[in-house]
């Protein structure tokens, strides 16, 4: 192998690693926001854990965050929680930061 091939492989490996890490951080964020929403809906601990898993699964419906936002907004509104799209987006940003911190700290 040439040095160029080695560098190319290194870049490809880094890209794959970065993509995997981003996937894990986003899944952690979705779990955290699911628990946050469950608390707002006054769910039991067992219901909250189940709901958080459903939020993680909702993210597989389409690329981006719109599927998660749609689920959260619909569920929170149905539960009588007074919330809007902007508040959910702000909470997503906060929980993304928390998820990144957890990965950095190894939690």
Protein backbone atom coordinates (compact mmCIF):
# COMPACT_ATOMS: atom_id res chain seq x y z
CA UNK A 1 0.00 0.00 0.00
CA UNK A 2 1.11 3.50 -0.67
CA UNK A 3 1.05 6.37 1.77
CA UNK A 4 -1.86 7.82 -0.18
CA UNK A 5 -3.87 4.61 0.27
CA UNK A 6 -3.06 4.61 3.98
CA UNK A 7 -4.25 8.20 4.33
CA UNK A 8 -7.40 7.46 2.34
CA UNK A 9 -8.21 4.49 4.59
CA UNK A 10 -7.55 6.58 7.69
CA UNK A 11 -9.95 9.27 6.49
CA UNK A 12 -12.61 6.70 5.63
CA UNK A 13 -12.26 5.07 9.04
CA UNK A 14 -12.50 8.44 10.79
CA UNK A 15 -15.60 9.35 8.79
CA UNK A 16 -17.26 6.03 9.67
CA UNK A 17 -16.35 6.49 13.34
CA UNK A 18 -17.70 10.06 13.37
CA UNK A 19 -20.97 8.93 11.76
CA UNK A 20 -21.40 6.14 14.30
CA UNK A 21 -20.71 8.52 17.17
CA UNK A 22 -23.23 11.05 15.82
CA UNK A 23 -25.84 8.28 15.54
CA UNK A 24 -25.26 7.26 19.16
CA UNK A 25 -25.37 10.85 20.43
CA UNK A 26 -28.62 11.49 18.55
CA UNK A 27 -30.17 8.29 19.93
CA UNK A 28 -29.11 9.35 23.45
CA UNK A 29 -30.63 12.80 22.85
CA UNK A 30 -33.88 11.22 21.73
CA UNK A 31 -34.01 9.07 24.84
CA UNK A 32 -33.35 12.09 27.06
CA UNK A 33 -36.00 14.19 25.33
CA UNK A 34 -38.42 11.28 25.57
CA UNK A 35 -37.87 11.15 29.33
CA UNK A 36 -38.29 14.94 29.48
CA UNK A 37 -41.60 14.75 27.60
CA UNK A 38 -42.76 11.82 29.72
CA UNK A 39 -42.19 13.90 32.85
CA UNK A 40 -44.30 16.70 31.36
CA UNK A 41 -47.05 14.16 30.65
CA UNK A 42 -46.84 12.80 34.22
CA UNK A 43 -46.08 9.25 33.11
CA UNK A 44 -44.91 6.61 35.55
CA UNK A 45 -41.26 5.54 35.45
CA UNK A 46 -42.11 2.40 33.50
CA UNK A 47 -44.28 4.35 31.06
CA UNK A 48 -41.55 7.00 30.75
CA UNK A 49 -38.93 4.43 29.81
CA UNK A 50 -41.25 2.88 27.24
CA UNK A 51 -42.11 6.31 25.85
CA UNK A 52 -38.42 7.25 25.58
CA UNK A 53 -37.82 4.11 23.49
CA UNK A 54 -40.72 5.07 21.23
CA UNK A 55 -39.16 8.51 20.67
CA UNK A 56 -35.85 6.86 19.70
CA UNK A 57 -37.73 4.61 17.27
CA UNK A 58 -39.65 7.56 15.81
CA UNK A 59 -36.38 9.04 14.58
CA UNK A 60 -36.09 6.23 12.02
CA UNK A 61 -39.17 7.37 10.09
CA UNK A 62 -37.35 10.04 8.05
CA UNK A 63 -34.06 11.88 7.92
CA UNK A 64 -33.68 14.83 10.25
CA UNK A 65 -35.52 15.78 13.41
CA UNK A 66 -38.98 16.51 11.98
CA UNK A 67 -40.30 13.02 12.78
CA UNK A 68 -39.24 13.36 16.42
CA UNK A 69 -40.64 16.88 16.69
CA UNK A 70 -43.93 15.78 15.16
CA UNK A 71 -44.21 12.87 17.63
CA UNK A 72 -43.35 14.98 20.66
CA UNK A 73 -45.66 17.83 19.68
CA UNK A 74 -48.54 15.48 18.98
CA UNK A 75 -48.12 13.45 22.15
CA UNK A 76 -47.58 16.44 24.43
CA UNK A 77 -50.53 18.31 22.95
CA UNK A 78 -52.74 15.22 23.28
CA UNK A 79 -51.73 14.96 26.92
CA UNK A 80 -52.85 18.56 27.51
CA UNK A 81 -49.35 20.04 27.81
CA UNK A 82 -49.21 23.63 26.55
CA UNK A 83 -46.15 23.57 24.27
CA UNK A 84 -45.23 24.71 20.79
CA UNK A 85 -42.82 23.73 18.04
CA UNK A 86 -40.21 26.31 19.12
CA UNK A 87 -40.13 25.00 22.70
CA UNK A 88 -39.60 21.46 21.47
CA UNK A 89 -36.78 22.56 19.16
CA UNK A 90 -35.13 24.42 22.04
CA UNK A 91 -35.46 21.32 24.24
CA UNK A 92 -33.92 19.20 21.46
CA UNK A 93 -30.91 21.53 21.37
CA UNK A 94 -30.52 21.40 25.15
CA UNK A 95 -30.77 17.62 25.21
CA UNK A 96 -28.30 17.28 22.32
CA UNK A 97 -25.76 19.21 24.38
CA UNK A 98 -26.49 16.98 27.38
CA UNK A 99 -26.11 13.83 25.25
CA UNK A 100 -22.73 15.05 23.94
CA UNK A 101 -21.57 15.79 27.50
CA UNK A 102 -22.60 12.30 28.59
CA UNK A 103 -20.56 10.72 25.80
CA UNK A 104 -17.54 12.88 26.61
CA UNK A 105 -17.82 12.00 30.31
CA UNK A 106 -18.45 8.35 29.49
CA UNK A 107 -21.83 8.19 31.23
